[in-house]
Amino acid sequence: MIRPLLIALLAVPCVVGPLTVAAPAVAASCGAGGMPPEMFKTYVSGVQEALNEHGFKAGKVDGKAGAQTGSAIRAYQRAAKLPVDGCVSKELLDHLNFVQPKVYANKRR
């Protein structure tokens, strides 16, 4: 449900730059890029949904970039060999939605 809206938002040319993800020392380096709060919440919800689908435990899909979401983003970035900054970005969203082969969390017993 959130995915189609998220993909549509990715096509908006005015959306550029990293978005804030609440994480201890990293949040200060992330910015909302002048994005309206509703749009940011949609981005965060889409990231949470995709991370959960890929086995990274982002928690409840609520559009709030809390510590669990930030931790899941960093774990995904490490697994995907992306720069680990804990920030939501267009590149992260593209990677979550379109990269082949998909990156999944290791299955834990």
PDB file of N, CA and C in Angstrom:
ATOM      1  N   MET A   1       0.824  -1.184   0.000  1.00  0.00           N
ATOM      2  CA  MET A   1       0.000   0.000   0.000  1.00  0.00           C
ATOM      3  C   MET A   1       0.875   1.256   0.000  1.00  0.00           C
ATOM      4  N   ILE A   2       1.875   1.299   0.832  1.00  0.00           N
ATOM      5  CA  ILE A   2       2.753   2.461   0.908  1.00  0.00           C
ATOM      6  C   ILE A   2       3.742   2.464  -0.249  1.00  0.00           C
ATOM      7  N   ARG A   3       4.133   1.280  -0.706  1.00  0.00           N
ATOM      8  CA  ARG A   3       5.148   1.159  -1.751  1.00  0.00           C
ATOM      9  C   ARG A   3       4.840   1.969  -3.005  1.00  0.00           C
ATOM     10  N   PRO A   4       3.610   1.871  -3.612  1.00  0.00           N
ATOM     11  CA  PRO A   4       3.352   2.661  -4.825  1.00  0.00           C
ATOM     12  C   PRO A   4       3.495   4.161  -4.587  1.00  0.00           C
ATOM     13  N   LEU A   5       3.035   4.644  -3.442  1.00  0.00           N
ATOM     14  CA  LEU A   5       3.178   6.063  -3.125  1.00  0.00           C
ATOM     15  C   LEU A   5       4.643   6.424  -2.972  1.00  0.00           C
ATOM     16  N   LEU A   6       5.401   5.558  -2.337  1.00  0.00           N
ATOM     17  CA  LEU A   6       6.824   5.798  -2.151  1.00  0.00           C
ATOM     18  C   LEU A   6       7.543   5.857  -3.488  1.00  0.00           C
ATOM     19  N   ILE A   7       7.220   4.938  -4.380  1.00  0.00           N
ATOM     20  CA  ILE A   7       7.842   4.928  -5.711  1.00  0.00           C
ATOM     21  C   ILE A   7       7.476   6.199  -6.469  1.00  0.00           C
ATOM     22  N   ALA A   8       6.230   6.656  -6.335  1.00  0.00           N
ATOM     23  CA  ALA A   8       5.816   7.903  -6.981  1.00  0.00           C
ATOM     24  C   ALA A   8       6.600   9.084  -6.416  1.00  0.00           C
ATOM     25  N   LEU A   9       6.832   9.084  -5.114  1.00  0.00           N
ATOM     26  CA  LEU A   9       7.601  10.169  -4.501  1.00  0.00           C
ATOM     27  C   LEU A   9       9.039  10.185  -4.995  1.00  0.00           C
ATOM     28  N   LEU A  10       9.587   9.027  -5.294  1.00  0.00           N
ATOM     29  CA  LEU A  10      10.957   8.969  -5.794  1.00  0.00           C
ATOM     30  C   LEU A  10      11.093   9.680  -7.132  1.00  0.00           C
ATOM     31  N   ALA A  11      10.005   9.757  -7.881  1.00  0.00           N
ATOM     32  CA  ALA A  11      10.046  10.392  -9.189  1.00  0.00           C
ATOM     33  C   ALA A  11       9.965  11.919  -9.103  1.00  0.00           C
ATOM     34  N   VAL A  12       9.639  12.458  -7.919  1.00  0.00           N
ATOM     35  CA  VAL A  12       9.524  13.903  -7.753  1.00  0.00           C
ATOM     36  C   VAL A  12      10.923  14.511  -7.762  1.00  0.00           C
ATOM     37  N   PRO A  13      11.231  15.375  -8.748  1.00  0.00           N
ATOM     38  CA  PRO A  13      12.585  15.915  -8.858  1.00  0.00           C
ATOM     39  C   PRO A  13      13.000  16.854  -7.742  1.00  0.00           C
ATOM     40  N   CYS A  14      12.065  17.418  -6.997  1.00  0.00           N
ATOM     41  CA  CYS A  14      12.437  18.365  -5.950  1.00  0.00           C
ATOM     42  C   CYS A  14      12.894  17.662  -4.676  1.00  0.00           C
ATOM     43  N   VAL A  15      12.741  16.355  -4.605  1.00  0.00           N
ATOM     44  CA  VAL A  15      13.152  15.612  -3.420  1.00  0.00           C
ATOM     45  C   VAL A  15      14.597  15.178  -3.606  1.00  0.00           C
ATOM     46  N   VAL A  16      15.492  15.849  -2.915  1.00  0.00           N
ATOM     47  CA  VAL A  16      16.914  15.560  -3.051  1.00  0.00           C
ATOM     48  C   VAL A  16      17.547  15.563  -1.676  1.00  0.00           C
ATOM     49  N   GLY A  17      18.528  14.705  -1.471  1.00  0.00           N
ATOM     50  CA  GLY A  17      19.305  14.724  -0.247  1.00  0.00           C
ATOM     51  C   GLY A  17      18.808  13.749   0.784  1.00  0.00           C
ATOM     52  N   PRO A  18      19.591  13.534   1.824  1.00  0.00           N
ATOM     53  CA  PRO A  18      19.229  12.578   2.866  1.00  0.00           C
ATOM     54  C   PRO A  18      18.125  13.110   3.756  1.00  0.00           C
ATOM     55  N   LEU A  19      17.401  12.193   4.359  1.00  0.00           N
ATOM     56  CA  LEU A  19      16.330  12.525   5.282  1.00  0.00           C
ATOM     57  C   LEU A  19      16.758  12.105   6.680  1.00  0.00           C
ATOM     58  N   THR A  20      16.170  12.719   7.668  1.00  0.00           N
ATOM     59  CA  THR A  20      16.560  12.433   9.043  1.00  0.00           C
ATOM     60  C   THR A  20      16.081  11.063   9.486  1.00  0.00           C
ATOM     61  N   VAL A  21      16.964  10.349  10.135  1.00  0.00           N
ATOM     62  CA  VAL A  21      16.622   9.102  10.799  1.00  0.00           C
ATOM     63  C   VAL A  21      17.197   9.214  12.199  1.00  0.00           C
ATOM     64  N   ALA A  22      16.319   9.095  13.188  1.00  0.00           N
ATOM     65  CA  ALA A  22      16.787   9.261  14.552  1.00  0.00           C
ATOM     66  C   ALA A  22      17.735   8.132  14.928  1.00  0.00           C
ATOM     67  N   ALA A  23      18.948   8.499  15.140  1.00  0.00           N
ATOM     68  CA  ALA A  23      19.970   7.557  15.593  1.00  0.00           C
ATOM     69  C   ALA A  23      20.921   8.359  16.449  1.00  0.00           C
ATOM     70  N   PRO A  24      21.509   7.748  17.407  1.00  0.00           N
ATOM     71  CA  PRO A  24      22.309   8.508  18.346  1.00  0.00           C
ATOM     72  C   PRO A  24      23.188   9.585  17.717  1.00  0.00           C
ATOM     73  N   ALA A  25      24.356   9.390  17.289  1.00  0.00           N
ATOM     74  CA  ALA A  25      25.218  10.471  16.818  1.00  0.00           C
ATOM     75  C   ALA A  25      24.996  10.812  15.360  1.00  0.00           C
ATOM     76  N   VAL A  26      24.247  10.000  14.655  1.00  0.00           N
ATOM     77  CA  VAL A  26      24.115  10.171  13.214  1.00  0.00           C
ATOM     78  C   VAL A  26      23.020  11.173  12.848  1.00  0.00           C
ATOM     79  N   ALA A  27      21.989  11.296  13.670  1.00  0.00           N
ATOM     80  CA  ALA A  27      20.842  12.126  13.320  1.00  0.00           C
ATOM     81  C   ALA A  27      21.235  13.556  12.995  1.00  0.00           C
ATOM     82  N   ALA A  28      22.233  14.075  13.637  1.00  0.00           N
ATOM     83  CA  ALA A  28      22.639  15.451  13.385  1.00  0.00           C
ATOM     84  C   ALA A  28      23.158  15.635  11.964  1.00  0.00           C
ATOM     85  N   SER A  29      23.695  14.585  11.359  1.00  0.00           N
ATOM     86  CA  SER A  29      24.240  14.705  10.009  1.00  0.00           C
ATOM     87  C   SER A  29      23.181  14.486   8.936  1.00  0.00           C
ATOM     88  N   CYS A  30      22.001  14.028   9.299  1.00  0.00           N
ATOM     89  CA  CYS A  30      20.914  13.816   8.339  1.00  0.00           C
ATOM     90  C   CYS A  30      20.005  15.035   8.371  1.00  0.00           C
ATOM     91  N   GLY A  31      19.461  15.375   7.234  1.00  0.00           N
ATOM     92  CA  GLY A  31      18.545  16.501   7.178  1.00  0.00           C
ATOM     93  C   GLY A  31      17.303  16.139   6.397  1.00  0.00           C
ATOM     94  N   ALA A  32      16.226  16.876   6.618  1.00  0.00           N
ATOM     95  CA  ALA A  32      14.969  16.621   5.915  1.00  0.00           C
ATOM     96  C   ALA A  32      14.975  17.229   4.521  1.00  0.00           C
ATOM     97  N   GLY A  33      15.977  18.016   4.189  1.00  0.00           N
ATOM     98  CA  GLY A  33      16.064  18.587   2.845  1.00  0.00           C
ATOM     99  C   GLY A  33      14.901  19.490   2.486  1.00  0.00           C
ATOM    100  N   GLY A  34      14.289  20.134   3.469  1.00  0.00           N
ATOM    101  CA  GLY A  34      13.174  21.036   3.204  1.00  0.00           C
ATOM    102  C   GLY A  34      11.890  20.303   2.863  1.00  0.00           C
ATOM    103  N   MET A  35      11.846  19.010   3.124  1.00  0.00           N
ATOM    104  CA  MET A  35      10.690  18.191   2.797  1.00  0.00           C
ATOM    105  C   MET A  35       9.562  18.435   3.796  1.00  0.00           C
ATOM    106  N   PRO A  36       8.310  18.520   3.306  1.00  0.00           N
ATOM    107  CA  PRO A  36       7.179  18.659   4.228  1.00  0.00           C
ATOM    108  C   PRO A  36       7.076  17.442   5.146  1.00  0.00           C
ATOM    109  N   PRO A  37       6.614  17.636   6.377  1.00  0.00           N
ATOM    110  CA  PRO A  37       6.531  16.534   7.339  1.00  0.00           C
ATOM    111  C   PRO A  37       5.730  15.325   6.838  1.00  0.00           C
ATOM    112  N   GLU A  38       4.653  15.560   6.101  1.00  0.00           N
ATOM    113  CA  GLU A  38       3.829  14.455   5.604  1.00  0.00           C
ATOM    114  C   GLU A  38       4.614  13.590   4.615  1.00  0.00           C
ATOM    115  N   MET A  39       5.404  14.239   3.766  1.00  0.00           N
ATOM    116  CA  MET A  39       6.196  13.512   2.787  1.00  0.00           C
ATOM    117  C   MET A  39       7.291  12.716   3.496  1.00  0.00           C
ATOM    118  N   PHE A  40       7.929  13.325   4.484  1.00  0.00           N
ATOM    119  CA  PHE A  40       8.966  12.631   5.240  1.00  0.00           C
ATOM    120  C   PHE A  40       8.389  11.397   5.920  1.00  0.00           C
ATOM    121  N   LYS A  41       7.215  11.530   6.525  1.00  0.00           N
ATOM    122  CA  LYS A  41       6.572  10.404   7.199  1.00  0.00           C
ATOM    123  C   LYS A  41       6.295   9.273   6.208  1.00  0.00           C
ATOM    124  N   THR A  42       5.899   9.614   4.992  1.00  0.00           N
ATOM    125  CA  THR A  42       5.645   8.607   3.966  1.00  0.00           C
ATOM    126  C   THR A  42       6.930   7.889   3.582  1.00  0.00           C
ATOM    127  N   TYR A  43       8.008   8.633   3.441  1.00  0.00           N
ATOM    128  CA  TYR A  43       9.305   8.022   3.146  1.00  0.00           C
ATOM    129  C   TYR A  43       9.715   7.054   4.254  1.00  0.00           C
ATOM    130  N   VAL A  44       9.612   7.496   5.488  1.00  0.00           N
ATOM    131  CA  VAL A  44      10.014   6.661   6.617  1.00  0.00           C
ATOM    132  C   VAL A  44       9.150   5.397   6.655  1.00  0.00           C
ATOM    133  N   SER A  45       7.841   5.535   6.444  1.00  0.00           N
ATOM    134  CA  SER A  45       6.952   4.372   6.439  1.00  0.00           C
ATOM    135  C   SER A  45       7.345   3.388   5.346  1.00  0.00           C
ATOM    136  N   GLY A  46       7.657   3.890   4.169  1.00  0.00           N
ATOM    137  CA  GLY A  46       8.074   3.027   3.074  1.00  0.00           C
ATOM    138  C   GLY A  46       9.366   2.294   3.374  1.00  0.00           C
ATOM    139  N   VAL A  47      10.306   2.991   3.983  1.00  0.00           N
ATOM    140  CA  VAL A  47      11.578   2.368   4.364  1.00  0.00           C
ATOM    141  C   VAL A  47      11.327   1.303   5.425  1.00  0.00           C
ATOM    142  N   GLN A  48      10.507   1.610   6.421  1.00  0.00           N
ATOM    143  CA  GLN A  48      10.199   0.633   7.466  1.00  0.00           C
ATOM    144  C   GLN A  48       9.559  -0.627   6.872  1.00  0.00           C
ATOM    145  N   GLU A  49       8.604  -0.416   5.981  1.00  0.00           N
ATOM    146  CA  GLU A  49       7.912  -1.550   5.349  1.00  0.00           C
ATOM    147  C   GLU A  49       8.898  -2.414   4.566  1.00  0.00           C
ATOM    148  N   ALA A  50       9.733  -1.787   3.756  1.00  0.00           N
ATOM    149  CA  ALA A  50      10.691  -2.538   2.939  1.00  0.00           C
ATOM    150  C   ALA A  50      11.724  -3.251   3.809  1.00  0.00           C
ATOM    151  N   LEU A  51      12.227  -2.573   4.834  1.00  0.00           N
ATOM    152  CA  LEU A  51      13.201  -3.212   5.722  1.00  0.00           C
ATOM    153  C   LEU A  51      12.597  -4.430   6.409  1.00  0.00           C
ATOM    154  N   ASN A  52      11.369  -4.316   6.889  1.00  0.00           N
ATOM    155  CA  ASN A  52      10.704  -5.447   7.527  1.00  0.00           C
ATOM    156  C   ASN A  52      10.515  -6.603   6.541  1.00  0.00           C
ATOM    157  N   GLU A  53      10.156  -6.293   5.303  1.00  0.00           N
ATOM    158  CA  GLU A  53       9.983  -7.327   4.278  1.00  0.00           C
ATOM    159  C   GLU A  53      11.300  -8.036   3.978  1.00  0.00           C
ATOM    160  N   HIS A  54      12.403  -7.326   4.118  1.00  0.00           N
ATOM    161  CA  HIS A  54      13.724  -7.894   3.836  1.00  0.00           C
ATOM    162  C   HIS A  54      14.340  -8.561   5.059  1.00  0.00           C
ATOM    163  N   GLY A  55      13.598  -8.606   6.158  1.00  0.00           N
ATOM    164  CA  GLY A  55      14.083  -9.289   7.355  1.00  0.00           C
ATOM    165  C   GLY A  55      14.868  -8.425   8.317  1.00  0.00           C
ATOM    166  N   PHE A  56      14.960  -7.129   8.046  1.00  0.00           N
ATOM    167  CA  PHE A  56      15.632  -6.203   8.959  1.00  0.00           C
ATOM    168  C   PHE A  56      14.542  -5.621   9.853  1.00  0.00           C
ATOM    169  N   LYS A  57      14.667  -5.782  11.122  1.00  0.00           N
ATOM    170  CA  LYS A  57      13.597  -5.461  12.068  1.00  0.00           C
ATOM    171  C   LYS A  57      13.522  -3.966  12.348  1.00  0.00           C
ATOM    172  N   ALA A  58      12.734  -3.271  11.521  1.00  0.00           N
ATOM    173  CA  ALA A  58      12.563  -1.828  11.664  1.00  0.00           C
ATOM    174  C   ALA A  58      11.443  -1.477  12.629  1.00  0.00           C
ATOM    175  N   GLY A  59      10.709  -2.469  13.093  1.00  0.00           N
ATOM    176  CA  GLY A  59       9.610  -2.216  14.023  1.00  0.00           C
ATOM    177  C   GLY A  59       8.318  -1.900  13.303  1.00  0.00           C
ATOM    178  N   LYS A  60       7.409  -1.329  14.057  1.00  0.00           N
ATOM    179  CA  LYS A  60       6.085  -0.984  13.548  1.00  0.00           C
ATOM    180  C   LYS A  60       6.204   0.050  12.427  1.00  0.00           C
ATOM    181  N   VAL A  61       5.419  -0.146  11.354  1.00  0.00           N
ATOM    182  CA  VAL A  61       5.394   0.817  10.249  1.00  0.00           C
ATOM    183  C   VAL A  61       4.500   1.968  10.685  1.00  0.00           C
ATOM    184  N   ASP A  62       5.151   3.022  11.227  1.00  0.00           N
ATOM    185  CA  ASP A  62       4.401   4.146  11.768  1.00  0.00           C
ATOM    186  C   ASP A  62       4.888   5.502  11.248  1.00  0.00           C
ATOM    187  N   GLY A  63       5.903   5.485  10.402  1.00  0.00           N
ATOM    188  CA  GLY A  63       6.405   6.740   9.853  1.00  0.00           C
ATOM    189  C   GLY A  63       7.276   7.528  10.807  1.00  0.00           C
ATOM    190  N   LYS A  64       7.606   6.940  11.954  1.00  0.00           N
ATOM    191  CA  LYS A  64       8.456   7.612  12.938  1.00  0.00           C
ATOM    192  C   LYS A  64       9.849   7.002  12.879  1.00  0.00           C
ATOM    193  N   ALA A  65      10.832   7.832  12.624  1.00  0.00           N
ATOM    194  CA  ALA A  65      12.212   7.366  12.485  1.00  0.00           C
ATOM    195  C   ALA A  65      12.863   7.269  13.859  1.00  0.00           C
ATOM    196  N   GLY A  66      12.572   6.182  14.539  1.00  0.00           N
ATOM    197  CA  GLY A  66      13.124   5.978  15.869  1.00  0.00           C
ATOM    198  C   GLY A  66      14.411   5.171  15.845  1.00  0.00           C
ATOM    199  N   ALA A  67      14.852   4.798  17.022  1.00  0.00           N
ATOM    200  CA  ALA A  67      16.118   4.075  17.167  1.00  0.00           C
ATOM    201  C   ALA A  67      16.090   2.726  16.464  1.00  0.00           C
ATOM    202  N   GLN A  68      14.956   2.001  16.534  1.00  0.00           N
ATOM    203  CA  GLN A  68      14.878   0.691  15.894  1.00  0.00           C
ATOM    204  C   GLN A  68      14.957   0.817  14.374  1.00  0.00           C
ATOM    205  N   THR A  69      14.323   1.823  13.815  1.00  0.00           N
ATOM    206  CA  THR A  69      14.395   2.052  12.376  1.00  0.00           C
ATOM    207  C   THR A  69      15.824   2.412  11.977  1.00  0.00           C
ATOM    208  N   GLY A  70      16.461   3.283  12.725  1.00  0.00           N
ATOM    209  CA  GLY A  70      17.843   3.673  12.429  1.00  0.00           C
ATOM    210  C   GLY A  70      18.786   2.481  12.484  1.00  0.00           C
ATOM    211  N   SER A  71      18.589   1.618  13.470  1.00  0.00           N
ATOM    212  CA  SER A  71      19.414   0.421  13.598  1.00  0.00           C
ATOM    213  C   SER A  71      19.209  -0.513  12.405  1.00  0.00           C
ATOM    214  N   ALA A  72      17.961  -0.675  11.984  1.00  0.00           N
ATOM    215  CA  ALA A  72      17.665  -1.530  10.824  1.00  0.00           C
ATOM    216  C   ALA A  72      18.265  -0.949   9.546  1.00  0.00           C
ATOM    217  N   ILE A  73      18.216   0.372   9.403  1.00  0.00           N
ATOM    218  CA  ILE A  73      18.810   1.016   8.224  1.00  0.00           C
ATOM    219  C   ILE A  73      20.308   0.754   8.191  1.00  0.00           C
ATOM    220  N   ARG A  74      20.974   0.934   9.326  1.00  0.00           N
ATOM    221  CA  ARG A  74      22.423   0.700   9.365  1.00  0.00           C
ATOM    222  C   ARG A  74      22.767  -0.759   9.078  1.00  0.00           C
ATOM    223  N   ALA A  75      21.969  -1.693   9.601  1.00  0.00           N
ATOM    224  CA  ALA A  75      22.203  -3.119   9.335  1.00  0.00           C
ATOM    225  C   ALA A  75      22.030  -3.417   7.848  1.00  0.00           C
ATOM    226  N   TYR A  76      21.002  -2.839   7.226  1.00  0.00           N
ATOM    227  CA  TYR A  76      20.790  -3.035   5.788  1.00  0.00           C
ATOM    228  C   TYR A  76      21.953  -2.443   4.995  1.00  0.00           C
ATOM    229  N   GLN A  77      22.361  -1.243   5.361  1.00  0.00           N
ATOM    230  CA  GLN A  77      23.464  -0.600   4.642  1.00  0.00           C
ATOM    231  C   GLN A  77      24.733  -1.442   4.724  1.00  0.00           C
ATOM    232  N   ARG A  78      25.010  -2.015   5.893  1.00  0.00           N
ATOM    233  CA  ARG A  78      26.188  -2.883   6.019  1.00  0.00           C
ATOM    234  C   ARG A  78      26.044  -4.116   5.138  1.00  0.00           C
ATOM    235  N   ALA A  79      24.885  -4.771   5.177  1.00  0.00           N
ATOM    236  CA  ALA A  79      24.660  -5.991   4.396  1.00  0.00           C
ATOM    237  C   ALA A  79      24.727  -5.728   2.896  1.00  0.00           C
ATOM    238  N   ALA A  80      24.283  -4.540   2.484  1.00  0.00           N
ATOM    239  CA  ALA A  80      24.265  -4.184   1.063  1.00  0.00           C
ATOM    240  C   ALA A  80      25.566  -3.528   0.609  1.00  0.00           C
ATOM    241  N   LYS A  81      26.524  -3.401   1.546  1.00  0.00           N
ATOM    242  CA  LYS A  81      27.812  -2.767   1.259  1.00  0.00           C
ATOM    243  C   LYS A  81      27.638  -1.317   0.776  1.00  0.00           C
ATOM    244  N   LEU A  82      26.710  -0.619   1.428  1.00  0.00           N
ATOM    245  CA  LEU A  82      26.479   0.802   1.181  1.00  0.00           C
ATOM    246  C   LEU A  82      27.186   1.590   2.279  1.00  0.00           C
ATOM    247  N   PRO A  83      27.436   2.879   2.066  1.00  0.00           N
ATOM    248  CA  PRO A  83      27.975   3.699   3.153  1.00  0.00           C
ATOM    249  C   PRO A  83      26.998   3.675   4.337  1.00  0.00           C
ATOM    250  N   VAL A  84      27.498   3.428   5.518  1.00  0.00           N
ATOM    251  CA  VAL A  84      26.643   3.305   6.704  1.00  0.00           C
ATOM    252  C   VAL A  84      26.542   4.666   7.389  1.00  0.00           C
ATOM    253  N   ASP A  85      25.376   5.295   7.217  1.00  0.00           N
ATOM    254  CA  ASP A  85      25.147   6.585   7.863  1.00  0.00           C
ATOM    255  C   ASP A  85      23.824   6.615   8.622  1.00  0.00           C
ATOM    256  N   GLY A  86      22.986   5.597   8.457  1.00  0.00           N
ATOM    257  CA  GLY A  86      21.708   5.547   9.159  1.00  0.00           C
ATOM    258  C   GLY A  86      20.666   6.502   8.640  1.00  0.00           C
ATOM    259  N   CYS A  87      20.937   7.148   7.522  1.00  0.00           N
ATOM    260  CA  CYS A  87      20.014   8.139   6.966  1.00  0.00           C
ATOM    261  C   CYS A  87      19.179   7.549   5.829  1.00  0.00           C
ATOM    262  N   VAL A  88      17.937   7.996   5.755  1.00  0.00           N
ATOM    263  CA  VAL A  88      17.093   7.654   4.619  1.00  0.00           C
ATOM    264  C   VAL A  88      17.505   8.573   3.475  1.00  0.00           C
ATOM    265  N   SER A  89      17.691   7.999   2.307  1.00  0.00           N
ATOM    266  CA  SER A  89      18.023   8.797   1.127  1.00  0.00           C
ATOM    267  C   SER A  89      17.355   8.190  -0.087  1.00  0.00           C
ATOM    268  N   LYS A  90      17.329   8.924  -1.170  1.00  0.00           N
ATOM    269  CA  LYS A  90      16.773   8.398  -2.418  1.00  0.00           C
ATOM    270  C   LYS A  90      17.536   7.148  -2.833  1.00  0.00           C
ATOM    271  N   GLU A  91      18.850   7.167  -2.657  1.00  0.00           N
ATOM    272  CA  GLU A  91      19.665   6.010  -3.027  1.00  0.00           C
ATOM    273  C   GLU A  91      19.286   4.786  -2.181  1.00  0.00           C
ATOM    274  N   LEU A  92      19.053   4.973  -0.896  1.00  0.00           N
ATOM    275  CA  LEU A  92      18.647   3.861  -0.038  1.00  0.00           C
ATOM    276  C   LEU A  92      17.292   3.317  -0.483  1.00  0.00           C
ATOM    277  N   LEU A  93      16.348   4.206  -0.746  1.00  0.00           N
ATOM    278  CA  LEU A  93      15.017   3.772  -1.178  1.00  0.00           C
ATOM    279  C   LEU A  93      15.085   3.042  -2.508  1.00  0.00           C
ATOM    280  N   ASP A  94      15.877   3.562  -3.437  1.00  0.00           N
ATOM    281  CA  ASP A  94      16.055   2.872  -4.724  1.00  0.00           C
ATOM    282  C   ASP A  94      16.642   1.488  -4.501  1.00  0.00           C
ATOM    283  N   HIS A  95      17.623   1.405  -3.635  1.00  0.00           N
ATOM    284  CA  HIS A  95      18.279   0.129  -3.362  1.00  0.00           C
ATOM    285  C   HIS A  95      17.282  -0.866  -2.775  1.00  0.00           C
ATOM    286  N   LEU A  96      16.518  -0.438  -1.789  1.00  0.00           N
ATOM    287  CA  LEU A  96      15.531  -1.313  -1.164  1.00  0.00           C
ATOM    288  C   LEU A  96      14.505  -1.819  -2.172  1.00  0.00           C
ATOM    289  N   ASN A  97      14.080  -0.957  -3.070  1.00  0.00           N
ATOM    290  CA  ASN A  97      13.000  -1.307  -3.993  1.00  0.00           C
ATOM    291  C   ASN A  97      13.451  -1.973  -5.279  1.00  0.00           C
ATOM    292  N   PHE A  98      14.629  -1.643  -5.772  1.00  0.00           N
ATOM    293  CA  PHE A  98      14.956  -2.046  -7.138  1.00  0.00           C
ATOM    294  C   PHE A  98      16.212  -2.886  -7.315  1.00  0.00           C
ATOM    295  N   VAL A  99      17.098  -2.965  -6.330  1.00  0.00           N
ATOM    296  CA  VAL A  99      18.352  -3.689  -6.526  1.00  0.00           C
ATOM    297  C   VAL A  99      18.084  -5.173  -6.774  1.00  0.00           C
ATOM    298  N   GLN A 100      18.870  -5.746  -7.647  1.00  0.00           N
ATOM    299  CA  GLN A 100      18.798  -7.181  -7.931  1.00  0.00           C
ATOM    300  C   GLN A 100      20.200  -7.748  -7.819  1.00  0.00           C
ATOM    301  N   PRO A 101      20.457  -8.837  -7.157  1.00  0.00           N
ATOM    302  CA  PRO A 101      19.496  -9.560  -6.316  1.00  0.00           C
ATOM    303  C   PRO A 101      19.189  -8.791  -5.040  1.00  0.00           C
ATOM    304  N   LYS A 102      18.041  -9.095  -4.478  1.00  0.00           N
ATOM    305  CA  LYS A 102      17.614  -8.433  -3.252  1.00  0.00           C
ATOM    306  C   LYS A 102      18.570  -8.750  -2.111  1.00  0.00           C
ATOM    307  N   VAL A 103      18.666  -7.829  -1.157  1.00  0.00           N
ATOM    308  CA  VAL A 103      19.496  -8.023   0.032  1.00  0.00           C
ATOM    309  C   VAL A 103      18.557  -8.330   1.196  1.00  0.00           C
ATOM    310  N   TYR A 104      18.800  -9.461   1.847  1.00  0.00           N
ATOM    311  CA  TYR A 104      17.974  -9.871   2.990  1.00  0.00           C
ATOM    312  C   TYR A 104      18.842 -10.063   4.225  1.00  0.00           C
ATOM    313  N   ALA A 105      18.218  -9.941   5.384  1.00  0.00           N
ATOM    314  CA  ALA A 105      18.928 -10.177   6.645  1.00  0.00           C
ATOM    315  C   ALA A 105      19.229 -11.665   6.750  1.00  0.00           C
ATOM    316  N   ASN A 106      20.302 -11.988   7.462  1.00  0.00           N
ATOM    317  CA  ASN A 106      20.610 -13.389   7.719  1.00  0.00           C
ATOM    318  C   ASN A 106      19.514 -13.975   8.581  1.00  0.00           C
ATOM    319  N   LYS A 107      19.110 -15.192   8.268  1.00  0.00           N
ATOM    320  CA  LYS A 107      18.093 -15.850   9.088  1.00  0.00           C
ATOM    321  C   LYS A 107      18.740 -16.271  10.393  1.00  0.00           C
ATOM    322  N   ARG A 108      18.077 -15.941  11.484  1.00  0.00           N
ATOM    323  CA  ARG A 108      18.586 -16.282  12.809  1.00  0.00           C
ATOM    324  C   ARG A 108      17.722 -17.347  13.418  1.00  0.00           C
ATOM    325  N   ARG A 109      18.364 -18.241  14.150  1.00  0.00           N
ATOM    326  CA  ARG A 109      17.595 -19.334  14.784  1.00  0.00           C
ATOM    327  C   ARG A 109      17.000 -18.899  16.074  1.00  0.00           C
TER     328      ARG A 109
END
